[in-house]
Amino acid sequence: MPTLRLLAILQTDCPTCRLITPYLNALAAQSIPVSAISQDGEDSTREFMRQMDVRFPVERDPGFDLARRFNVVTVPTLYVLDEQDRIVRTEPGFDKLALNEIAALFGQLPVASAHDGAPESKPGCTSRHLEAHTGDAGAAALDLYSTRGKAASVIDLADGEDPFEYCYRAFGDALPVVPPTIERVEQALRAAGDRDRREVIARIPPCYGEATLEKIAANAVMAGCRPEMMRVLIPLTRAVADERFNAHGMQATTHFAAPLVVVNGPVRHELGFHFRQNVFSNVARSNSTLGRALQLILVNIGGARPSAIDMSALGNPGKFSFCIAENEEENPWEPWHVERGLARDQSAVSLVTCEAPHGVSEHRSRTARGVLKAIAYALSTVWSYRSCLGAEALVVLCPEHVRTIHRDGFRKRDVREFLFANAGVPVRCYADPEPFEGADQRTMYKEITIDGEPCYQKFRSPESIQIVVAGGTAGKFSAVLGSWLTGPRGSQMVTYPV
């Protein structure tokens, strides 16, 4: 058997490199020859080794010669090498299955458990030699564990400089923002209660900037939020940093995905969230500013600027603001947050990564089956028509459709199961001799019959389809919102109490 060794390419400020380091320590503890190459300076590498208690040798690649020789694209990347330094296996990013397979390759026990608190997988960062180089100083070693962050910077503008134009250049997305003056930020902080302004609420992907209470307040002000909106924005900030939601992947993908905020419970009335006609539109300050505040936090603290890290091919108008509330008053079933485990009188905020709404018009049908068939046809086109099992969907039912469905005795569970059973792609659509998305996965698809025709089932399970009631009481228009990738390798819906 050839003599093998494991080489890891790391960066000191990459969160995924920090995630994988304890697992590399565990491999090294099993007598696997582990070593690493740091793409950063001597001081930050030394600090990284101290913070992470690194138990394997680490060298540096100051000119990125090794990165170019191995054609490194992302960090971390693991290389299993033989005695001639020929590559036996390459694994980019963090993946528990791959780590355990590498351990087995060396004849050792698994080092990653499904229940050890880490995600199943996580994308990495761009290799240093592929980054745009500027004259700026290198970033300090990232500290993911401090509970108190740095104070926000205070900027004194020169006389005659327009504060709106300055803030637009420095902090905006593509819209002007409200200047976050000391007085306005202090008002927002007072509304958050007696708390340390430097308390770290979350670290925002993909750059994992510290979302301190003070910085959240500043972005809330810029978005135009009233001070009392801090009550919702703080748990929303925690939700977007939840590893299950995977904002890191969502903001680096070329897909259309954007984070949709759904508000439930008494806070809808207390803070004036809109849930009736024009629910996806610019109809209420609370909806518009909460969604905008989240986007500014992702850009200003998380670093996901559309000119650099955010690589969406076409983008999504929801990246300006994407926030709705559920019309619980027109919902004959349990509200969405109750379905997700919270009490009816508990306010909640949920996050879903999804595309823009795809409208479904059905004004002629007078039965639940007729309305739901129209929605099932739209569901069959989610992601790409002939691609199955990889995506989920949020169905936003309008009150008129809900009344028709409920009149026929359908419970929410019945609605979900009907849509699951009737969303599919005819097998005949796969006869095209040209290569197409979805063809390679056909062996995993389940064949079912829909209206007498053989079809491949679109979704993995009924739970892949979530249902929310929203919109005005006039007009039989519902909507389907397809998701980004789902499951442990993609994004999972998350709900946080308010």
Protein backbone atom coordinates (compact mmCIF):
# COMPACT_ATOMS: atom_id res chain seq x y z
CA MET A 1 0.00 0.00 0.00
CA PRO A 2 1.44 3.42 -0.93
CA THR A 3 2.37 5.88 1.81
CA LEU A 4 -0.19 8.67 1.88
CA ARG A 5 -0.36 12.04 3.58
CA LEU A 6 -3.05 14.69 3.95
CA LEU A 7 -2.41 18.32 3.00
CA ALA A 8 -4.89 21.13 3.79
CA ILE A 9 -4.85 24.57 2.17
CA LEU A 10 -6.20 27.11 4.68
CA GLN A 11 -6.80 30.81 5.30
CA THR A 12 -6.88 32.39 8.73
CA ASP A 13 -10.01 34.49 8.12
CA CYS A 14 -12.06 31.81 6.38
CA PRO A 15 -14.91 30.51 8.60
CA THR A 16 -14.98 27.15 6.80
CA CYS A 17 -11.24 26.72 7.44
CA ARG A 18 -11.95 27.28 11.11
CA LEU A 19 -14.83 24.81 10.96
CA ILE A 20 -12.65 22.07 9.48
CA THR A 21 -9.59 22.56 11.72
CA PRO A 22 -10.87 20.56 14.76
CA TYR A 23 -11.58 17.65 12.39
CA LEU A 24 -8.03 17.89 11.02
CA ASN A 25 -6.81 17.79 14.64
CA ALA A 26 -8.88 14.62 15.15
CA LEU A 27 -7.36 13.03 12.04
CA ALA A 28 -3.87 13.95 13.22
CA ALA A 29 -4.64 12.42 16.63
CA GLN A 30 -5.22 9.10 14.85
CA SER A 31 -1.62 9.16 13.56
CA ILE A 32 -2.63 10.33 10.08
CA PRO A 33 0.16 12.52 8.66
CA VAL A 34 -1.66 15.85 8.42
CA SER A 35 -0.04 19.14 7.43
CA ALA A 36 -1.38 22.47 6.20
CA ILE A 37 -0.41 25.45 4.08
CA SER A 38 -1.55 28.90 5.19
CA GLN A 39 -2.17 31.51 2.52
CA ASP A 40 -1.74 34.33 5.04
CA GLY A 41 1.05 36.21 6.82
CA GLU A 42 3.19 34.97 9.65
CA ASP A 43 1.46 36.89 12.43
CA SER A 44 -2.10 35.97 11.44
CA THR A 45 -1.06 32.35 10.87
CA ARG A 46 0.48 32.19 14.34
CA GLU A 47 -2.66 33.71 15.87
CA PHE A 48 -4.85 31.27 13.94
CA MET A 49 -2.83 28.34 15.28
CA ARG A 50 -3.15 29.66 18.82
CA GLN A 51 -6.91 30.30 18.63
CA MET A 52 -7.67 26.95 16.98
CA ASP A 53 -5.19 24.90 19.04
CA VAL A 54 -3.70 23.48 15.82
CA ARG A 55 -2.00 20.12 16.41
CA PHE A 56 -0.35 19.58 13.03
CA PRO A 57 2.45 21.42 11.23
CA VAL A 58 1.51 24.53 9.25
CA GLU A 59 3.72 26.21 6.66
CA ARG A 60 3.12 29.31 4.53
CA ASP A 61 2.78 29.88 0.80
CA PRO A 62 3.68 33.60 0.55
CA GLY A 63 3.97 33.71 -3.23
CA PHE A 64 1.06 31.29 -3.79
CA ASP A 65 3.36 29.02 -5.81
CA LEU A 66 1.80 25.89 -4.33
CA ALA A 67 -1.73 27.26 -4.85
CA ARG A 68 -0.96 27.73 -8.54
CA ARG A 69 0.76 24.36 -8.88
CA PHE A 70 -2.24 22.55 -7.34
CA ASN A 71 -4.72 24.87 -9.11
CA VAL A 72 -6.45 25.67 -5.81
CA VAL A 73 -9.82 27.34 -6.34
CA THR A 74 -11.34 27.41 -2.85
CA VAL A 75 -10.15 27.03 0.71
CA PRO A 76 -10.16 24.82 2.56
CA THR A 77 -9.14 22.20 0.06
CA LEU A 78 -7.86 18.82 1.23
CA TYR A 79 -5.38 16.84 -0.86
CA VAL A 80 -4.51 13.20 -0.24
CA LEU A 81 -1.01 12.82 -1.69
CA ASP A 82 1.19 9.79 -2.32
CA GLU A 83 4.96 9.59 -1.72
CA GLN A 84 5.65 11.37 -5.05
CA ASP A 85 3.18 14.15 -4.11
CA ARG A 86 0.76 12.96 -6.76
CA ILE A 87 -2.84 13.84 -5.94
CA VAL A 88 -4.88 10.78 -4.95
CA ARG A 89 -7.99 12.66 -3.83
CA THR A 90 -9.16 16.29 -3.71
CA GLU A 91 -11.92 17.61 -1.44
CA PRO A 92 -12.84 21.32 -1.52
CA GLY A 93 -14.82 22.93 1.29
CA PHE A 94 -16.13 21.14 4.38
CA ASP A 95 -17.96 17.83 4.01
CA LYS A 96 -18.45 15.35 6.85
CA LEU A 97 -18.88 12.37 4.53
CA ALA A 98 -15.62 13.23 2.76
CA LEU A 99 -13.74 13.61 6.06
CA ASN A 100 -14.90 10.18 7.21
CA GLU A 101 -14.02 8.64 3.84
CA ILE A 102 -10.52 10.15 4.10
CA ALA A 103 -10.17 8.69 7.60
CA ALA A 104 -11.18 5.28 6.20
CA LEU A 105 -8.64 5.69 3.37
CA PHE A 106 -5.96 5.83 6.06
CA GLY A 107 -7.53 2.89 7.91
CA GLN A 108 -8.84 5.02 10.77
CA LEU A 109 -12.17 5.65 12.50
CA PRO A 110 -14.66 8.37 11.44
CA VAL A 111 -14.05 11.83 12.90
CA ALA A 112 -17.36 13.54 11.96
CA SER A 113 -20.73 12.73 13.51
CA ALA A 114 -24.14 13.72 12.18
CA HIS A 115 -25.00 15.16 15.60
CA ASP A 116 -21.82 17.04 16.57
CA GLY A 117 -23.37 20.48 15.99
CA ALA A 118 -21.67 21.23 12.66
CA PRO A 119 -23.50 21.28 9.30
CA GLU A 120 -23.15 18.33 6.95
CA SER A 121 -21.25 20.50 4.50
CA LYS A 122 -20.25 24.11 3.96
CA PRO A 123 -18.68 25.95 1.00
CA GLY A 124 -15.32 27.61 1.41
CA CYS A 125 -13.73 30.88 0.32
CA THR A 126 -11.82 31.90 -2.81
CA SER A 127 -8.12 31.05 -2.86
CA ARG A 128 -5.96 34.12 -2.16
CA HIS A 129 -4.19 34.01 -5.53
CA LEU A 130 -7.58 34.35 -7.28
CA GLU A 131 -8.70 37.35 -5.22
CA ALA A 132 -8.55 40.92 -6.48
CA HIS A 133 -5.48 42.48 -4.83
CA THR A 134 -5.55 46.01 -3.43
CA GLY A 135 -3.27 48.07 -1.26
CA ASP A 136 -5.42 47.40 1.80
CA ALA A 137 -3.94 45.68 4.82
CA GLY A 138 -4.76 42.01 5.28
CA ALA A 139 -7.66 41.03 7.52
CA ALA A 140 -6.93 40.02 11.09
CA ALA A 141 -7.45 36.42 12.10
CA LEU A 142 -11.19 35.85 12.46
CA ASP A 143 -12.49 35.35 16.00
CA LEU A 144 -15.78 33.48 15.84
CA TYR A 145 -16.23 33.04 19.57
CA SER A 146 -16.02 36.50 21.15
CA THR A 147 -19.36 37.62 22.63
CA ARG A 148 -18.40 41.32 22.55
CA GLY A 149 -17.45 43.04 19.33
CA LYS A 150 -15.69 46.21 18.35
CA ALA A 151 -17.42 49.55 18.68
CA ALA A 152 -18.95 50.92 15.49
CA SER A 153 -16.95 53.62 13.75
CA VAL A 154 -18.07 57.23 14.02
CA ILE A 155 -17.49 59.34 10.91
CA ASP A 156 -17.35 63.14 10.92
CA LEU A 157 -18.33 64.53 7.53
CA ALA A 158 -16.68 67.63 6.16
CA ASP A 159 -18.73 70.82 6.03
CA GLY A 160 -20.75 70.93 2.86
CA GLU A 161 -20.70 67.17 2.23
CA ASP A 162 -24.19 65.78 1.62
CA PRO A 163 -24.78 63.04 4.26
CA PHE A 164 -27.27 61.24 2.01
CA GLU A 165 -24.82 61.05 -0.88
CA TYR A 166 -21.99 59.96 1.42
CA CYS A 167 -24.10 57.19 2.99
CA TYR A 168 -25.30 56.09 -0.42
CA ARG A 169 -21.70 55.64 -1.58
CA ALA A 170 -20.50 53.99 1.63
CA PHE A 171 -23.42 51.94 2.93
CA GLY A 172 -26.18 51.64 0.36
CA ASP A 173 -27.15 48.85 -1.99
CA ALA A 174 -28.43 50.72 -5.04
CA LEU A 175 -30.83 52.98 -3.17
CA PRO A 176 -30.21 55.96 -0.88
CA VAL A 177 -30.31 55.33 2.85
CA VAL A 178 -31.21 57.35 5.93
CA PRO A 179 -27.98 58.72 7.48
CA PRO A 180 -27.33 56.74 10.70
CA THR A 181 -26.67 59.71 12.96
CA ILE A 182 -25.69 59.16 16.56
CA GLU A 183 -29.10 60.40 17.70
CA ARG A 184 -31.05 58.02 15.45
CA VAL A 185 -28.90 55.01 16.37
CA GLU A 186 -29.28 55.83 20.07
CA GLN A 187 -33.07 55.82 19.68
CA ALA A 188 -32.95 52.36 18.13
CA LEU A 189 -30.64 51.09 20.88
CA ARG A 190 -32.97 52.39 23.60
CA ALA A 191 -35.83 50.49 21.96
CA ALA A 192 -33.74 47.30 22.19
CA GLY A 193 -33.66 47.54 25.99
CA ASP A 194 -30.88 47.70 28.55
CA ARG A 195 -28.24 45.74 26.65
CA ASP A 196 -24.57 46.11 25.82
CA ARG A 197 -24.36 47.90 22.47
CA ARG A 198 -21.29 45.82 21.61
CA GLU A 199 -23.00 42.50 22.27
CA VAL A 200 -22.47 40.19 19.28
CA ILE A 201 -25.92 39.00 18.19
CA ALA A 202 -24.59 36.93 15.26
CA ARG A 203 -21.80 36.71 12.71
CA ILE A 204 -23.14 37.38 9.25
CA PRO A 205 -22.02 35.22 6.30
CA PRO A 206 -20.25 35.13 3.96
CA CYS A 207 -17.51 37.29 5.55
CA TYR A 208 -18.80 36.66 9.09
CA GLY A 209 -18.76 40.26 10.23
CA GLU A 210 -19.80 40.96 13.81
CA ALA A 211 -23.46 41.97 13.96
CA THR A 212 -23.32 43.84 17.24
CA LEU A 213 -26.44 45.46 18.63
CA GLU A 214 -25.02 48.84 17.64
CA LYS A 215 -24.34 47.83 14.03
CA ILE A 216 -27.77 46.24 13.70
CA ALA A 217 -29.29 49.50 14.95
CA ALA A 218 -27.27 51.51 12.41
CA ASN A 219 -28.50 49.37 9.53
CA ALA A 220 -32.07 49.57 10.85
CA VAL A 221 -31.82 53.35 10.79
CA MET A 222 -30.43 53.33 7.25
CA ALA A 223 -33.34 51.14 6.11
CA GLY A 224 -35.88 53.56 7.60
CA CYS A 225 -37.05 51.28 10.43
CA ARG A 226 -38.87 52.74 13.40
CA PRO A 227 -36.93 52.12 16.66
CA GLU A 228 -39.40 49.46 17.84
CA MET A 229 -38.52 47.32 14.80
CA MET A 230 -35.39 46.24 16.71
CA ARG A 231 -37.68 43.80 18.51
CA VAL A 232 -38.05 41.83 15.25
CA LEU A 233 -34.72 42.62 13.62
CA ILE A 234 -32.63 41.10 16.43
CA PRO A 235 -34.16 37.56 16.14
CA LEU A 236 -34.17 37.96 12.34
CA THR A 237 -30.43 38.62 12.44
CA ARG A 238 -29.96 35.44 14.47
CA ALA A 239 -32.09 33.52 11.99
CA VAL A 240 -30.11 34.59 8.92
CA ALA A 241 -26.89 33.45 10.63
CA ASP A 242 -28.34 30.02 11.49
CA GLU A 243 -26.12 27.42 9.79
CA ARG A 244 -29.20 25.49 8.70
CA PHE A 245 -30.31 28.48 6.64
CA ASN A 246 -26.88 28.63 4.95
CA ALA A 247 -26.78 32.32 4.05
CA HIS A 248 -23.16 31.75 3.01
CA GLY A 249 -24.17 29.49 0.16
CA MET A 250 -27.27 31.51 -0.74
CA GLN A 251 -25.24 34.69 -1.20
CA ALA A 252 -22.47 33.08 -3.25
CA THR A 253 -24.69 31.10 -5.61
CA THR A 254 -25.40 32.08 -9.21
CA HIS A 255 -29.07 31.14 -8.61
CA PHE A 256 -31.93 33.65 -8.19
CA ALA A 257 -32.33 32.99 -4.45
CA ALA A 258 -33.04 35.77 -1.96
CA PRO A 259 -34.14 35.53 1.70
CA LEU A 260 -37.90 35.92 2.09
CA VAL A 261 -39.06 37.03 5.56
CA VAL A 262 -42.45 35.79 6.78
CA VAL A 263 -43.91 37.40 9.92
CA ASN A 264 -46.52 35.69 12.12
CA GLY A 265 -48.34 36.33 15.36
CA PRO A 266 -49.49 39.41 17.29
CA VAL A 267 -46.49 41.49 16.20
CA ARG A 268 -48.18 41.83 12.79
CA HIS A 269 -50.73 44.20 14.32
CA GLU A 270 -48.45 45.68 16.98
CA LEU A 271 -45.91 46.95 14.44
CA GLY A 272 -48.18 47.35 11.43
CA PHE A 273 -47.04 44.53 9.13
CA HIS A 274 -49.23 44.21 6.04
CA PHE A 275 -50.73 40.88 4.99
CA ARG A 276 -53.62 41.74 2.69
CA GLN A 277 -53.69 43.08 -0.89
CA ASN A 278 -50.30 43.90 -2.45
CA VAL A 279 -48.59 41.84 0.26
CA PHE A 280 -45.41 41.48 -1.83
CA SER A 281 -45.45 45.17 -2.80
CA ASN A 282 -44.38 48.51 -1.34
CA VAL A 283 -47.54 48.94 0.70
CA ALA A 284 -46.35 49.10 4.32
CA ARG A 285 -43.38 50.69 6.03
CA SER A 286 -42.85 47.74 8.37
CA ASN A 287 -42.64 45.14 5.59
CA SER A 288 -40.45 47.30 3.38
CA THR A 289 -38.01 48.50 6.03
CA LEU A 290 -37.57 45.17 7.82
CA GLY A 291 -36.74 43.44 4.54
CA ARG A 292 -34.44 46.30 3.56
CA ALA A 293 -32.67 46.25 6.94
CA LEU A 294 -31.91 42.56 6.52
CA GLN A 295 -30.44 43.18 3.06
CA LEU A 296 -28.28 46.05 4.34
CA ILE A 297 -27.00 43.82 7.16
CA LEU A 298 -26.10 41.12 4.62
CA VAL A 299 -24.24 43.69 2.49
CA ASN A 300 -22.65 45.98 5.09
CA ILE A 301 -21.85 43.44 7.81
CA GLY A 302 -21.81 40.17 5.86
CA GLY A 303 -19.97 41.61 2.86
CA ALA A 304 -22.23 40.09 0.16
CA ARG A 305 -22.00 42.91 -2.36
CA PRO A 306 -23.41 42.18 -5.82
CA SER A 307 -20.23 43.55 -7.41
CA ALA A 308 -18.05 40.89 -5.76
CA ILE A 309 -19.26 37.99 -3.61
CA ASP A 310 -22.93 37.87 -4.62
CA MET A 311 -22.64 36.19 -8.03
CA SER A 312 -26.32 35.68 -8.94
CA ALA A 313 -26.58 35.50 -12.73
CA LEU A 314 -29.85 37.46 -12.96
CA GLY A 315 -30.50 38.47 -9.37
CA ASN A 316 -33.84 38.94 -7.65
CA PRO A 317 -35.87 42.11 -6.95
CA GLY A 318 -36.33 40.70 -3.45
CA LYS A 319 -32.75 41.70 -2.73
CA PHE A 320 -34.04 45.25 -2.18
CA SER A 321 -36.66 44.01 0.31
CA PHE A 322 -38.57 40.71 0.56
CA CYS A 323 -40.93 40.58 3.54
CA ILE A 324 -44.55 39.52 3.97
CA ALA A 325 -46.84 38.70 6.88
CA GLU A 326 -49.33 35.85 6.93
CA ASN A 327 -53.03 36.68 6.70
CA GLU A 328 -53.96 34.59 9.73
CA GLU A 329 -57.44 36.12 9.84
CA GLU A 330 -58.30 34.50 6.49
CA ASN A 331 -56.54 31.23 7.32
CA PRO A 332 -58.96 28.46 8.44
CA TRP A 333 -56.02 26.22 9.37
CA GLU A 334 -53.15 26.68 11.79
CA PRO A 335 -50.83 29.61 10.94
CA TRP A 336 -47.40 28.77 9.55
CA HIS A 337 -45.51 29.44 12.77
CA VAL A 338 -47.85 27.12 14.68
CA GLU A 339 -47.22 24.41 12.11
CA ARG A 340 -43.51 24.97 12.75
CA GLY A 341 -43.83 24.40 16.49
CA LEU A 342 -44.70 27.72 18.13
CA ALA A 343 -47.82 28.80 20.03
CA ARG A 344 -50.51 30.76 18.21
CA ASP A 345 -50.08 33.80 20.48
CA GLN A 346 -46.29 33.77 19.99
CA SER A 347 -44.91 36.20 17.40
CA ALA A 348 -42.39 34.71 15.01
CA VAL A 349 -40.18 35.45 12.03
CA SER A 350 -39.28 32.83 9.40
CA LEU A 351 -36.74 32.81 6.58
CA VAL A 352 -36.93 30.98 3.25
CA THR A 353 -34.46 31.17 0.34
CA CYS A 354 -36.55 31.47 -2.79
CA GLU A 355 -37.09 32.93 -6.21
CA ALA A 356 -39.50 35.74 -7.02
CA PRO A 357 -43.22 34.81 -6.90
CA HIS A 358 -44.64 32.87 -9.87
CA GLY A 359 -48.28 33.85 -10.13
CA VAL A 360 -51.05 31.25 -10.53
CA SER A 361 -54.44 32.46 -11.78
CA GLU A 362 -57.48 30.18 -11.42
CA HIS A 363 -60.80 32.01 -11.62
CA ARG A 364 -62.97 29.35 -13.27
CA SER A 365 -62.69 26.35 -11.00
CA ARG A 366 -65.20 25.97 -8.18
CA THR A 367 -63.55 22.97 -6.48
CA ALA A 368 -60.49 22.41 -4.34
CA ARG A 369 -59.19 19.89 -6.85
CA GLY A 370 -59.43 22.36 -9.73
CA VAL A 371 -57.62 25.13 -7.85
CA LEU A 372 -54.90 22.81 -6.58
CA LYS A 373 -54.33 21.23 -9.99
CA ALA A 374 -53.49 24.67 -11.39
CA ILE A 375 -50.99 25.20 -8.55
CA ALA A 376 -49.53 21.70 -9.02
CA TYR A 377 -48.78 22.48 -12.67
CA ALA A 378 -46.86 25.58 -11.60
CA LEU A 379 -45.00 23.59 -8.93
CA SER A 380 -43.81 21.17 -11.60
CA THR A 381 -41.72 23.96 -13.16
CA VAL A 382 -39.78 24.84 -9.98
CA TRP A 383 -36.00 25.13 -10.49
CA SER A 384 -36.08 23.59 -13.99
CA TYR A 385 -38.98 21.63 -15.47
CA ARG A 386 -37.19 18.27 -15.86
CA SER A 387 -35.16 18.53 -12.66
CA CYS A 388 -36.76 16.73 -9.69
CA LEU A 389 -36.11 16.18 -5.97
CA GLY A 390 -33.55 18.96 -5.46
CA ALA A 391 -35.81 21.91 -4.60
CA GLU A 392 -38.65 22.83 -2.29
CA ALA A 393 -41.42 25.41 -2.69
CA LEU A 394 -43.47 27.90 -0.73
CA VAL A 395 -47.08 28.19 -1.88
CA VAL A 396 -48.77 31.47 -0.96
CA LEU A 397 -52.53 30.89 -1.16
CA CYS A 398 -54.84 33.88 -1.61
CA PRO A 399 -57.97 34.02 0.60
CA GLU A 400 -60.41 33.33 -2.28
CA HIS A 401 -58.58 30.13 -3.22
CA VAL A 402 -58.40 29.17 0.46
CA ARG A 403 -62.17 29.51 0.84
CA THR A 404 -62.76 27.24 -2.17
CA ILE A 405 -60.29 24.65 -0.88
CA HIS A 406 -61.56 24.72 2.70
CA ARG A 407 -65.21 24.51 1.59
CA ASP A 408 -64.42 21.10 0.09
CA GLY A 409 -63.15 19.88 3.46
CA PHE A 410 -59.42 20.03 2.77
CA ARG A 411 -57.10 20.39 5.77
CA LYS A 412 -53.67 21.93 5.24
CA ARG A 413 -52.16 18.45 5.33
CA ASP A 414 -54.59 17.37 2.59
CA VAL A 415 -53.57 20.35 0.46
CA ARG A 416 -49.89 19.51 0.81
CA GLU A 417 -50.41 15.83 0.01
CA PHE A 418 -52.57 16.63 -3.04
CA LEU A 419 -49.95 19.01 -4.42
CA PHE A 420 -47.20 16.47 -3.77
CA ALA A 421 -49.13 13.71 -5.55
CA ASN A 422 -49.97 15.90 -8.56
CA ALA A 423 -46.71 17.77 -9.13
CA GLY A 424 -44.66 15.80 -11.64
CA VAL A 425 -43.00 15.76 -15.03
CA PRO A 426 -44.21 13.39 -17.78
CA VAL A 427 -41.70 10.65 -18.53
CA ARG A 428 -42.07 11.41 -22.26
CA CYS A 429 -40.36 14.78 -21.66
CA TYR A 430 -37.09 12.92 -21.01
CA ALA A 431 -36.89 11.44 -24.53
CA ASP A 432 -34.97 14.43 -25.88
CA PRO A 433 -31.61 13.20 -27.29
CA GLU A 434 -29.95 16.50 -26.36
CA PRO A 435 -28.34 16.70 -22.89
CA PHE A 436 -30.49 18.59 -20.38
CA GLU A 437 -30.64 19.36 -16.68
CA GLY A 438 -32.30 16.56 -14.74
CA ALA A 439 -31.39 13.73 -17.12
CA ASP A 440 -28.44 12.41 -15.11
CA GLN A 441 -30.53 11.98 -11.96
CA ARG A 442 -33.35 9.95 -13.55
CA THR A 443 -32.30 6.77 -11.77
CA MET A 444 -33.17 8.46 -8.45
CA TYR A 445 -36.61 9.67 -9.55
CA LYS A 446 -39.81 7.91 -8.52
CA GLU A 447 -42.26 7.14 -11.30
CA ILE A 448 -45.92 7.81 -10.50
CA THR A 449 -49.12 8.21 -12.51
CA ILE A 450 -50.82 11.60 -12.82
CA ASP A 451 -54.12 11.73 -14.72
CA GLY A 452 -53.29 8.41 -16.39
CA GLU A 453 -49.83 9.48 -17.60
CA PRO A 454 -46.49 8.14 -16.29
CA CYS A 455 -44.62 10.98 -14.56
CA TYR A 456 -41.60 11.52 -12.34
CA GLN A 457 -42.52 12.90 -8.93
CA LYS A 458 -41.26 16.48 -8.57
CA PHE A 459 -40.61 16.67 -4.83
CA ARG A 460 -39.03 14.40 -2.24
CA SER A 461 -41.94 14.50 0.20
CA PRO A 462 -45.12 16.46 1.00
CA GLU A 463 -43.05 18.46 3.52
CA SER A 464 -41.07 19.88 0.60
CA ILE A 465 -44.15 22.07 -0.05
CA GLN A 466 -44.90 24.72 2.60
CA ILE A 467 -48.15 26.71 2.64
CA VAL A 468 -48.81 30.29 3.76
CA VAL A 469 -52.05 32.27 3.44
CA ALA A 470 -51.62 35.90 2.40
CA GLY A 471 -53.02 38.59 0.14
CA GLY A 472 -56.29 40.42 -0.45
CA THR A 473 -59.77 38.97 -0.28
CA ALA A 474 -60.59 39.91 -3.89
CA GLY A 475 -58.86 38.14 -6.76
CA LYS A 476 -58.12 34.46 -7.30
CA PHE A 477 -54.36 34.76 -7.65
CA SER A 478 -52.00 32.60 -5.62
CA ALA A 479 -48.22 32.22 -6.01
CA VAL A 480 -45.50 29.61 -6.07
CA LEU A 481 -41.98 30.49 -4.91
CA GLY A 482 -39.34 27.94 -5.79
CA SER A 483 -36.41 27.44 -3.46
CA TRP A 484 -32.66 27.30 -3.84
CA LEU A 485 -31.00 23.93 -3.11
CA THR A 486 -32.42 22.28 -0.01
CA GLY A 487 -31.44 19.88 2.74
CA PRO A 488 -28.11 19.71 4.61
CA ARG A 489 -26.13 20.81 1.53
CA GLY A 490 -28.48 23.67 0.69
CA SER A 491 -30.77 25.92 2.71
CA GLN A 492 -33.37 24.88 5.26
CA MET A 493 -36.28 27.09 6.34
CA VAL A 494 -35.84 28.49 9.85
CA THR A 495 -38.33 30.04 12.30
CA TYR A 496 -37.38 32.14 15.35
CA PRO A 497 -39.67 33.49 18.10
CA VAL A 498 -39.97 37.25 18.49
